[in-house]
Amino acid sequence: MVKVQNYCCPVKLSFGKHADRIKKELLLEENMCAVTCSGTIGKVMIVPKHWQGWTLNQHVMRIIPRNKSMAGYIYAWLSTDYALPLIVRHTYGAVVDEIDDKQLAEVSIPLLQDEAIQQRINDLVLQANELRYQAYLKEQEAIKKMESIL
């Protein structure tokens, strides 16, 4: 159903030497889920369109849904109070709490018997994510207007 990626990388990557790795492993795609895995564990975010092509550091794992019809539902489930204990249950580390991709991959995502409700949840999350992007565009437009006035 999903693919979990956890890639540790240096702070600076040369595009000349690491372009393939950046493209295949590090770039964000719209509707991916990002889950913090170091320090504060289990904060979940769905990637908005304006983050497309950005990267996150090694303290955030990416969950790549098999298709768009599950992306919003996966985010909705992982954001619940029920999923958090499943995400953090294998925490390790003496000073800084950590989880890894194998542990995150063990978090069950319950599928609903009523597929219509599950799809409705998915669609509402994706709609909210699209509205977040539209708000970002309007904010950028407002910033440009303010800069032109000042």
N, C-alpha and C. Protein backbone atom coordinates (compact mmCIF):
# COMPACT_ATOMS: atom_id res chain seq x y z
N MET A 1 0.82 -1.19 0.00
CA MET A 1 0.00 0.00 0.00
C MET A 1 0.86 1.26 0.00
N VAL A 2 1.86 1.33 0.87
CA VAL A 2 2.69 2.52 0.94
C VAL A 2 4.16 2.13 0.96
N LYS A 3 4.97 3.08 0.63
CA LYS A 3 6.41 2.89 0.68
C LYS A 3 6.95 3.93 1.64
N VAL A 4 7.76 3.51 2.61
CA VAL A 4 8.33 4.42 3.57
C VAL A 4 9.79 4.64 3.19
N GLN A 5 10.18 5.90 3.10
CA GLN A 5 11.57 6.22 2.79
C GLN A 5 12.20 6.92 3.98
N ASN A 6 13.39 6.51 4.34
CA ASN A 6 14.18 7.19 5.36
C ASN A 6 15.61 7.24 4.86
N TYR A 7 16.05 8.39 4.47
CA TYR A 7 17.37 8.54 3.91
C TYR A 7 18.16 9.54 4.73
N CYS A 8 19.26 9.10 5.29
CA CYS A 8 20.16 10.01 5.96
C CYS A 8 21.07 10.60 4.90
N CYS A 9 21.25 11.90 4.95
CA CYS A 9 22.07 12.53 3.94
C CYS A 9 22.89 13.64 4.56
N PRO A 10 24.00 14.02 3.93
CA PRO A 10 24.77 15.14 4.43
C PRO A 10 23.99 16.43 4.30
N VAL A 11 24.43 17.44 5.01
CA VAL A 11 23.73 18.72 4.98
C VAL A 11 23.77 19.33 3.58
N LYS A 12 24.90 19.20 2.90
CA LYS A 12 25.03 19.78 1.57
C LYS A 12 25.24 18.67 0.55
N LEU A 13 24.45 18.68 -0.49
CA LEU A 13 24.60 17.72 -1.58
C LEU A 13 24.89 18.47 -2.87
N SER A 14 25.86 18.03 -3.58
CA SER A 14 26.20 18.62 -4.86
C SER A 14 25.20 18.12 -5.90
N PHE A 15 24.54 19.05 -6.59
CA PHE A 15 23.61 18.65 -7.64
C PHE A 15 24.33 17.93 -8.76
N GLY A 16 25.57 18.29 -8.99
CA GLY A 16 26.35 17.64 -10.04
C GLY A 16 26.61 16.17 -9.74
N LYS A 17 26.93 15.86 -8.50
CA LYS A 17 27.27 14.49 -8.13
C LYS A 17 26.07 13.69 -7.62
N HIS A 18 25.07 14.36 -7.09
CA HIS A 18 23.97 13.66 -6.44
C HIS A 18 22.60 13.90 -7.08
N ALA A 19 22.58 14.38 -8.29
CA ALA A 19 21.31 14.72 -8.94
C ALA A 19 20.35 13.55 -8.98
N ASP A 20 20.83 12.36 -9.33
CA ASP A 20 19.95 11.18 -9.39
C ASP A 20 19.39 10.84 -8.02
N ARG A 21 20.23 10.85 -6.99
CA ARG A 21 19.76 10.52 -5.64
C ARG A 21 18.75 11.55 -5.16
N ILE A 22 19.04 12.81 -5.42
CA ILE A 22 18.10 13.86 -5.01
C ILE A 22 16.76 13.63 -5.69
N LYS A 23 16.79 13.37 -6.98
CA LYS A 23 15.56 13.18 -7.75
C LYS A 23 14.79 11.95 -7.29
N LYS A 24 15.48 10.83 -7.07
CA LYS A 24 14.82 9.57 -6.74
C LYS A 24 14.44 9.43 -5.27
N GLU A 25 15.24 10.00 -4.37
CA GLU A 25 15.07 9.70 -2.97
C GLU A 25 14.67 10.87 -2.08
N LEU A 26 15.00 12.08 -2.47
CA LEU A 26 14.84 13.19 -1.54
C LEU A 26 13.76 14.20 -1.90
N LEU A 27 13.44 14.33 -3.17
CA LEU A 27 12.46 15.34 -3.56
C LEU A 27 11.06 14.97 -3.07
N LEU A 28 10.36 15.97 -2.63
CA LEU A 28 8.98 15.77 -2.16
C LEU A 28 8.02 15.81 -3.33
N GLU A 29 6.96 15.06 -3.19
CA GLU A 29 5.88 15.06 -4.17
C GLU A 29 4.58 15.42 -3.45
N GLU A 30 3.72 16.09 -4.15
CA GLU A 30 2.43 16.47 -3.58
C GLU A 30 1.72 15.22 -3.06
N ASN A 31 1.12 15.34 -1.89
CA ASN A 31 0.32 14.32 -1.21
C ASN A 31 1.14 13.20 -0.56
N MET A 32 2.46 13.31 -0.57
CA MET A 32 3.26 12.41 0.27
C MET A 32 2.95 12.76 1.72
N CYS A 33 3.13 11.81 2.61
CA CYS A 33 3.06 12.12 4.03
C CYS A 33 4.48 12.23 4.56
N ALA A 34 4.70 13.18 5.42
CA ALA A 34 5.99 13.35 6.08
C ALA A 34 5.76 13.12 7.57
N VAL A 35 6.61 12.27 8.17
CA VAL A 35 6.48 11.92 9.58
C VAL A 35 7.81 12.16 10.27
N THR A 36 7.81 12.97 11.32
CA THR A 36 9.05 13.21 12.04
C THR A 36 9.48 11.93 12.75
N CYS A 37 10.80 11.67 12.71
CA CYS A 37 11.31 10.40 13.23
C CYS A 37 12.49 10.57 14.17
N SER A 38 12.79 11.79 14.54
CA SER A 38 13.93 12.04 15.42
C SER A 38 13.61 13.23 16.29
N GLY A 39 13.86 13.11 17.58
CA GLY A 39 13.51 14.19 18.49
C GLY A 39 12.03 14.10 18.81
N THR A 40 11.25 14.99 18.23
CA THR A 40 9.80 14.90 18.35
C THR A 40 9.33 13.89 17.31
N ILE A 41 8.77 12.79 17.76
CA ILE A 41 8.39 11.71 16.85
C ILE A 41 6.89 11.72 16.61
N GLY A 42 6.50 11.49 15.37
CA GLY A 42 5.10 11.27 15.05
C GLY A 42 4.32 12.48 14.61
N LYS A 43 4.96 13.61 14.38
CA LYS A 43 4.26 14.74 13.78
C LYS A 43 4.07 14.42 12.30
N VAL A 44 2.85 14.55 11.81
CA VAL A 44 2.52 14.13 10.45
C VAL A 44 2.07 15.33 9.63
N MET A 45 2.54 15.40 8.40
CA MET A 45 2.15 16.48 7.49
C MET A 45 1.91 15.88 6.12
N ILE A 46 0.91 16.38 5.43
CA ILE A 46 0.73 16.00 4.03
C ILE A 46 1.39 17.09 3.19
N VAL A 47 2.15 16.68 2.21
CA VAL A 47 2.94 17.63 1.42
C VAL A 47 2.02 18.40 0.48
N PRO A 48 1.99 19.74 0.62
CA PRO A 48 1.18 20.54 -0.30
C PRO A 48 1.90 20.73 -1.64
N LYS A 49 1.16 21.19 -2.62
CA LYS A 49 1.69 21.33 -3.97
C LYS A 49 2.89 22.28 -4.02
N HIS A 50 2.88 23.34 -3.22
CA HIS A 50 3.98 24.29 -3.29
C HIS A 50 5.27 23.78 -2.64
N TRP A 51 5.24 22.60 -2.02
CA TRP A 51 6.47 21.96 -1.53
C TRP A 51 7.04 21.00 -2.57
N GLN A 52 6.32 20.78 -3.65
CA GLN A 52 6.79 19.88 -4.71
C GLN A 52 8.19 20.28 -5.15
N GLY A 53 9.11 19.32 -5.16
CA GLY A 53 10.47 19.59 -5.57
C GLY A 53 11.39 20.02 -4.44
N TRP A 54 10.84 20.28 -3.26
CA TRP A 54 11.68 20.61 -2.11
C TRP A 54 12.21 19.31 -1.52
N THR A 55 13.09 19.43 -0.54
CA THR A 55 13.58 18.26 0.18
C THR A 55 13.38 18.49 1.68
N LEU A 56 13.38 17.40 2.43
CA LEU A 56 13.36 17.46 3.89
C LEU A 56 14.63 16.80 4.39
N ASN A 57 15.02 17.13 5.61
CA ASN A 57 16.24 16.52 6.12
C ASN A 57 16.00 15.10 6.60
N GLN A 58 17.04 14.49 7.15
CA GLN A 58 16.99 13.08 7.53
C GLN A 58 16.14 12.83 8.77
N HIS A 59 15.60 13.85 9.40
CA HIS A 59 14.78 13.67 10.59
C HIS A 59 13.30 13.52 10.26
N VAL A 60 13.00 13.42 8.97
CA VAL A 60 11.62 13.28 8.52
C VAL A 60 11.56 12.14 7.50
N MET A 61 10.68 11.18 7.78
CA MET A 61 10.48 10.10 6.81
C MET A 61 9.34 10.45 5.88
N ARG A 62 9.43 9.95 4.68
CA ARG A 62 8.40 10.19 3.68
C ARG A 62 7.61 8.91 3.47
N ILE A 63 6.31 9.04 3.41
CA ILE A 63 5.44 7.91 3.09
C ILE A 63 4.84 8.19 1.72
N ILE A 64 5.12 7.27 0.82
CA ILE A 64 4.66 7.45 -0.57
C ILE A 64 3.47 6.53 -0.79
N PRO A 65 2.26 7.09 -0.89
CA PRO A 65 1.09 6.24 -1.14
C PRO A 65 1.16 5.62 -2.53
N ARG A 66 0.60 4.46 -2.64
CA ARG A 66 0.59 3.77 -3.94
C ARG A 66 -0.13 4.61 -4.99
N ASN A 67 -1.20 5.28 -4.57
CA ASN A 67 -1.92 6.13 -5.51
C ASN A 67 -2.66 7.23 -4.74
N LYS A 68 -3.20 8.17 -5.49
CA LYS A 68 -3.86 9.34 -4.90
C LYS A 68 -5.13 8.96 -4.14
N SER A 69 -5.71 7.84 -4.46
CA SER A 69 -6.97 7.46 -3.82
C SER A 69 -6.78 7.04 -2.36
N MET A 70 -5.53 6.91 -1.90
CA MET A 70 -5.26 6.56 -0.51
C MET A 70 -4.46 7.63 0.23
N ALA A 71 -3.89 8.59 -0.47
CA ALA A 71 -2.97 9.56 0.12
C ALA A 71 -3.61 10.34 1.27
N GLY A 72 -4.79 10.87 1.05
CA GLY A 72 -5.46 11.64 2.09
C GLY A 72 -5.90 10.79 3.26
N TYR A 73 -6.37 9.60 2.97
CA TYR A 73 -6.80 8.70 4.04
C TYR A 73 -5.63 8.30 4.93
N ILE A 74 -4.49 7.99 4.32
CA ILE A 74 -3.29 7.62 5.09
C ILE A 74 -2.91 8.77 6.02
N TYR A 75 -2.89 9.99 5.48
CA TYR A 75 -2.57 11.16 6.31
C TYR A 75 -3.59 11.30 7.44
N ALA A 76 -4.87 11.18 7.12
CA ALA A 76 -5.91 11.34 8.14
C ALA A 76 -5.72 10.33 9.26
N TRP A 77 -5.46 9.07 8.92
CA TRP A 77 -5.28 8.04 9.95
C TRP A 77 -4.04 8.32 10.80
N LEU A 78 -2.92 8.60 10.14
CA LEU A 78 -1.67 8.80 10.88
C LEU A 78 -1.72 10.03 11.78
N SER A 79 -2.63 10.95 11.50
CA SER A 79 -2.77 12.17 12.30
C SER A 79 -3.66 11.98 13.52
N THR A 80 -4.25 10.82 13.67
CA THR A 80 -5.19 10.60 14.78
C THR A 80 -4.46 10.28 16.09
N ASP A 81 -5.20 10.44 17.18
CA ASP A 81 -4.68 10.06 18.50
C ASP A 81 -4.52 8.54 18.60
N TYR A 82 -5.19 7.79 17.75
CA TYR A 82 -5.08 6.32 17.77
C TYR A 82 -3.78 5.84 17.11
N ALA A 83 -3.33 6.56 16.09
CA ALA A 83 -2.13 6.14 15.36
C ALA A 83 -0.85 6.54 16.08
N LEU A 84 -0.87 7.65 16.82
CA LEU A 84 0.36 8.12 17.45
C LEU A 84 1.03 7.06 18.33
N PRO A 85 0.30 6.36 19.20
CA PRO A 85 0.98 5.32 20.00
C PRO A 85 1.59 4.21 19.14
N LEU A 86 0.99 3.93 18.00
CA LEU A 86 1.54 2.93 17.09
C LEU A 86 2.83 3.43 16.44
N ILE A 87 2.90 4.73 16.19
CA ILE A 87 4.09 5.32 15.58
C ILE A 87 5.25 5.35 16.57
N VAL A 88 4.97 5.71 17.82
CA VAL A 88 6.04 5.93 18.80
C VAL A 88 6.38 4.69 19.62
N ARG A 89 5.68 3.59 19.45
CA ARG A 89 5.85 2.44 20.34
C ARG A 89 7.24 1.81 20.32
N HIS A 90 7.98 1.96 19.23
CA HIS A 90 9.32 1.37 19.15
C HIS A 90 10.42 2.41 19.27
N THR A 91 10.11 3.52 19.92
CA THR A 91 11.09 4.58 20.07
C THR A 91 12.34 4.07 20.78
N TYR A 92 13.49 4.48 20.28
CA TYR A 92 14.75 4.13 20.92
C TYR A 92 15.63 5.38 20.98
N GLY A 93 16.69 5.32 21.74
CA GLY A 93 17.63 6.43 21.85
C GLY A 93 17.75 6.89 23.28
N ALA A 94 18.97 7.14 23.72
CA ALA A 94 19.22 7.55 25.10
C ALA A 94 19.01 9.05 25.30
N VAL A 95 19.39 9.85 24.31
CA VAL A 95 19.29 11.30 24.44
C VAL A 95 18.23 11.84 23.48
N VAL A 96 18.30 11.42 22.22
CA VAL A 96 17.36 11.87 21.21
C VAL A 96 16.52 10.67 20.79
N ASP A 97 15.21 10.78 20.96
CA ASP A 97 14.32 9.70 20.54
C ASP A 97 14.36 9.53 19.03
N GLU A 98 14.28 8.27 18.59
CA GLU A 98 14.34 7.94 17.17
C GLU A 98 13.36 6.80 16.86
N ILE A 99 12.90 6.76 15.61
CA ILE A 99 12.29 5.58 15.03
C ILE A 99 12.87 5.44 13.63
N ASP A 100 12.76 4.26 13.05
CA ASP A 100 13.29 4.09 11.70
C ASP A 100 12.18 3.67 10.74
N ASP A 101 12.55 3.52 9.47
CA ASP A 101 11.56 3.24 8.44
C ASP A 101 10.89 1.87 8.64
N LYS A 102 11.62 0.90 9.15
CA LYS A 102 11.03 -0.43 9.38
C LYS A 102 9.96 -0.36 10.47
N GLN A 103 10.21 0.44 11.49
CA GLN A 103 9.23 0.59 12.56
C GLN A 103 7.99 1.34 12.06
N LEU A 104 8.20 2.39 11.29
CA LEU A 104 7.05 3.13 10.75
C LEU A 104 6.25 2.26 9.79
N ALA A 105 6.93 1.42 9.03
CA ALA A 105 6.23 0.53 8.10
C ALA A 105 5.36 -0.48 8.83
N GLU A 106 5.63 -0.74 10.11
CA GLU A 106 4.82 -1.68 10.89
C GLU A 106 3.51 -1.07 11.40
N VAL A 107 3.35 0.23 11.25
CA VAL A 107 2.11 0.88 11.71
C VAL A 107 0.97 0.47 10.78
N SER A 108 -0.01 -0.17 11.35
CA SER A 108 -1.16 -0.62 10.56
C SER A 108 -2.05 0.56 10.20
N ILE A 109 -2.58 0.51 9.00
CA ILE A 109 -3.54 1.50 8.54
C ILE A 109 -4.84 0.75 8.28
N PRO A 110 -5.81 0.91 9.18
CA PRO A 110 -7.05 0.14 9.03
C PRO A 110 -7.87 0.63 7.83
N LEU A 111 -8.32 -0.30 7.04
CA LEU A 111 -9.19 0.04 5.92
C LEU A 111 -10.64 -0.12 6.36
N LEU A 112 -11.47 0.81 5.96
CA LEU A 112 -12.87 0.79 6.37
C LEU A 112 -13.66 -0.18 5.51
N GLN A 113 -14.64 -0.82 6.12
CA GLN A 113 -15.51 -1.71 5.35
C GLN A 113 -16.34 -0.91 4.35
N ASP A 114 -16.74 0.28 4.76
CA ASP A 114 -17.50 1.16 3.87
C ASP A 114 -16.51 1.99 3.05
N GLU A 115 -16.21 1.53 1.86
CA GLU A 115 -15.22 2.19 1.01
C GLU A 115 -15.63 3.60 0.63
N ALA A 116 -16.93 3.87 0.59
CA ALA A 116 -17.41 5.21 0.24
C ALA A 116 -17.00 6.22 1.32
N ILE A 117 -17.09 5.82 2.58
CA ILE A 117 -16.68 6.71 3.67
C ILE A 117 -15.18 6.92 3.62
N GLN A 118 -14.45 5.86 3.40
CA GLN A 118 -12.99 5.96 3.31
C GLN A 118 -12.59 6.90 2.17
N GLN A 119 -13.25 6.78 1.03
CA GLN A 119 -12.96 7.65 -0.11
C GLN A 119 -13.34 9.09 0.19
N ARG A 120 -14.43 9.29 0.93
CA ARG A 120 -14.86 10.65 1.30
C ARG A 120 -13.81 11.30 2.20
N ILE A 121 -13.29 10.54 3.16
CA ILE A 121 -12.23 11.06 4.03
C ILE A 121 -11.03 11.45 3.18
N ASN A 122 -10.62 10.56 2.29
CA ASN A 122 -9.49 10.82 1.41
C ASN A 122 -9.72 12.10 0.60
N ASP A 123 -10.87 12.21 -0.01
CA ASP A 123 -11.16 13.35 -0.87
C ASP A 123 -11.19 14.67 -0.09
N LEU A 124 -11.72 14.64 1.15
CA LEU A 124 -11.75 15.85 1.97
C LEU A 124 -10.33 16.32 2.32
N VAL A 125 -9.46 15.38 2.65
CA VAL A 125 -8.08 15.73 2.96
C VAL A 125 -7.39 16.31 1.74
N LEU A 126 -7.56 15.68 0.58
CA LEU A 126 -6.93 16.19 -0.63
C LEU A 126 -7.49 17.55 -1.03
N GLN A 127 -8.77 17.74 -0.80
CA GLN A 127 -9.38 19.05 -1.08
C GLN A 127 -8.79 20.11 -0.15
N ALA A 128 -8.63 19.77 1.13
CA ALA A 128 -8.02 20.71 2.07
C ALA A 128 -6.58 21.03 1.67
N ASN A 129 -5.86 20.02 1.20
CA ASN A 129 -4.49 20.24 0.77
C ASN A 129 -4.44 21.16 -0.45
N GLU A 130 -5.38 21.00 -1.36
CA GLU A 130 -5.46 21.88 -2.53
C GLU A 130 -5.80 23.31 -2.09
N LEU A 131 -6.71 23.45 -1.13
CA LEU A 131 -7.06 24.78 -0.62
C LEU A 131 -5.87 25.43 0.08
N ARG A 132 -5.05 24.63 0.74
CA ARG A 132 -3.83 25.14 1.37
C ARG A 132 -2.91 25.73 0.29
N TYR A 133 -2.82 25.05 -0.83
CA TYR A 133 -2.01 25.54 -1.94
C TYR A 133 -2.58 26.84 -2.51
N GLN A 134 -3.89 26.88 -2.68
CA GLN A 134 -4.53 28.10 -3.19
C GLN A 134 -4.29 29.27 -2.23
N ALA A 135 -4.36 29.02 -0.92
CA ALA A 135 -4.08 30.05 0.07
C ALA A 135 -2.63 30.54 -0.05
N TYR A 136 -1.71 29.60 -0.28
CA TYR A 136 -0.31 29.96 -0.46
C TYR A 136 -0.15 30.89 -1.67
N LEU A 137 -0.81 30.56 -2.77
CA LEU A 137 -0.71 31.41 -3.97
C LEU A 137 -1.24 32.82 -3.69
N LYS A 138 -2.36 32.90 -2.99
CA LYS A 138 -2.93 34.21 -2.65
C LYS A 138 -2.00 34.99 -1.72
N GLU A 139 -1.38 34.29 -0.79
CA GLU A 139 -0.43 34.93 0.11
C GLU A 139 0.76 35.49 -0.68
N GLN A 140 1.28 34.71 -1.63
CA GLN A 140 2.40 35.18 -2.45
C GLN A 140 2.00 36.39 -3.27
N GLU A 141 0.79 36.39 -3.77
CA GLU A 141 0.28 37.53 -4.54
C GLU A 141 0.20 38.77 -3.65
N ALA A 142 -0.29 38.60 -2.42
CA ALA A 142 -0.39 39.72 -1.49
C ALA A 142 0.99 40.26 -1.12
N ILE A 143 1.94 39.37 -0.94
CA ILE A 143 3.32 39.79 -0.62
C ILE A 143 3.90 40.62 -1.76
N LYS A 144 3.68 40.17 -3.00
CA LYS A 144 4.19 40.92 -4.15
C LYS A 144 3.56 42.30 -4.23
N LYS A 145 2.27 42.40 -3.94
CA LYS A 145 1.60 43.70 -3.96
C LYS A 145 2.17 44.63 -2.89
N MET A 146 2.39 44.08 -1.70
CA MET A 146 2.95 44.88 -0.62
C MET A 146 4.36 45.33 -0.97
N GLU A 147 5.15 44.45 -1.55
CA GLU A 147 6.52 44.82 -1.92
C GLU A 147 6.53 45.89 -2.99
N SER A 148 5.58 45.84 -3.91
CA SER A 148 5.53 46.86 -4.96
C SER A 148 5.11 48.22 -4.40
N ILE A 149 4.30 48.20 -3.34
CA ILE A 149 3.87 49.46 -2.70
C ILE A 149 5.01 50.06 -1.89
N LEU A 150 5.72 49.20 -1.19
CA LEU A 150 6.80 49.68 -0.33
C LEU A 150 8.00 50.02 -1.17
